[in-house]
Protein backbone atom coordinates (compact mmCIF):
# COMPACT_ATOMS: atom_id res chain seq x y z
CA UNK A 1 -48.35 -36.32 -198.92
CA UNK A 2 -52.11 -36.97 -198.74
CA UNK A 3 -53.51 -38.85 -195.89
CA UNK A 4 -55.82 -41.56 -195.57
CA UNK A 5 -57.29 -43.47 -192.72
CA UNK A 6 -57.41 -47.53 -192.89
CA UNK A 7 -59.70 -49.12 -190.54
CA UNK A 8 -62.45 -51.54 -189.80
CA UNK A 9 -65.76 -50.95 -188.50
CA UNK A 10 -69.03 -52.50 -187.15
CA UNK A 11 -72.47 -51.09 -187.49
CA UNK A 12 -75.42 -52.29 -185.46
CA UNK A 13 -79.16 -51.22 -186.66
CA UNK A 14 -81.67 -50.64 -183.91
CA UNK A 15 -84.28 -52.54 -186.02
CA UNK A 16 -81.78 -55.78 -186.09
CA UNK A 17 -78.85 -56.76 -188.16
CA UNK A 18 -75.82 -54.80 -189.00
CA UNK A 19 -72.88 -54.53 -191.42
CA UNK A 20 -69.04 -54.81 -191.15
CA UNK A 21 -66.20 -53.34 -193.16
CA UNK A 22 -62.46 -54.46 -193.03
CA UNK A 23 -59.39 -52.56 -194.45
CA UNK A 24 -61.79 -49.69 -195.41
CA UNK A 25 -60.15 -46.76 -196.69
CA UNK A 26 -61.24 -42.96 -196.47
CA UNK A 27 -59.45 -39.87 -197.58
CA UNK A 28 -59.05 -37.35 -194.63
CA UNK A 29 -57.81 -33.86 -194.34
CA UNK A 30 -55.26 -33.15 -191.84
CA UNK A 31 -53.15 -35.77 -189.97
CA UNK A 32 -55.90 -37.65 -187.86
CA UNK A 33 -59.84 -38.05 -187.62
CA UNK A 34 -61.43 -39.18 -184.19
CA UNK A 35 -63.32 -42.41 -183.92
CA UNK A 36 -66.56 -40.31 -183.55
CA UNK A 37 -65.97 -38.21 -186.74
CA UNK A 38 -65.26 -41.21 -188.63
CA UNK A 39 -68.44 -43.17 -187.47
CA UNK A 40 -70.49 -39.97 -188.18
CA UNK A 41 -68.82 -39.68 -191.77
CA UNK A 42 -69.79 -43.25 -192.61
CA UNK A 43 -73.36 -43.26 -191.34
CA UNK A 44 -73.90 -39.89 -193.42
CA UNK A 45 -71.73 -40.93 -196.74
CA UNK A 46 -73.48 -44.37 -196.84
CA UNK A 47 -77.14 -42.65 -195.76
CA UNK A 48 -77.73 -45.52 -193.42
CA UNK A 49 -80.93 -45.02 -191.02
CA UNK A 50 -81.64 -46.70 -187.86
CA UNK A 51 -77.90 -46.71 -186.64
CA UNK A 52 -77.34 -47.79 -183.29
CA UNK A 53 -73.89 -48.67 -182.20
CA UNK A 54 -70.90 -47.96 -184.46
CA UNK A 55 -67.49 -49.55 -183.71
CA UNK A 56 -64.11 -48.30 -185.32
CA UNK A 57 -61.22 -50.80 -185.16
CA UNK A 58 -57.79 -51.22 -186.06
CA UNK A 59 -57.57 -47.42 -187.09
CA UNK A 60 -54.37 -46.17 -188.59
CA UNK A 61 -53.40 -43.23 -190.54
CA UNK A 62 -51.46 -43.87 -193.86
CA UNK A 63 -49.97 -41.75 -196.53
CA UNK A 64 -51.68 -42.27 -199.58
CA UNK A 65 -53.02 -40.24 -202.61
CA UNK A 66 -56.52 -39.31 -202.11
CA UNK A 67 -59.04 -41.40 -204.58
CA UNK A 68 -62.23 -39.25 -204.19
CA UNK A 69 -62.49 -35.95 -206.09
CA UNK A 70 -63.24 -33.07 -203.77
CA UNK A 71 -67.02 -32.07 -203.77
CA UNK A 72 -66.41 -28.71 -205.57
CA UNK A 73 -64.34 -30.55 -208.32
CA UNK A 74 -66.41 -32.45 -210.75
C-alpha cells in the first residue's frame, strides 16, 4: 500500500503574516518523513518566499493511494 502523511502546519513569514494548513495530505516515498523534510517540501512546492519559522503538527503516516502522478509521468 502507498503511504501518505497527514499533518497540520503553520508557516511564519519574515515580513509579517503567515499561513496554516489543517489535515493536509502529501504523498511520500517510504514509510516516514522527517519534519524538516516535510517543511522544506511544503515551502518549495508552494514556492513560498521570505519564510521564517515552519511548524509541523499532528503528523501521522497513513496507508492511502497516492493522488499525484510522478513527475516523469504526465
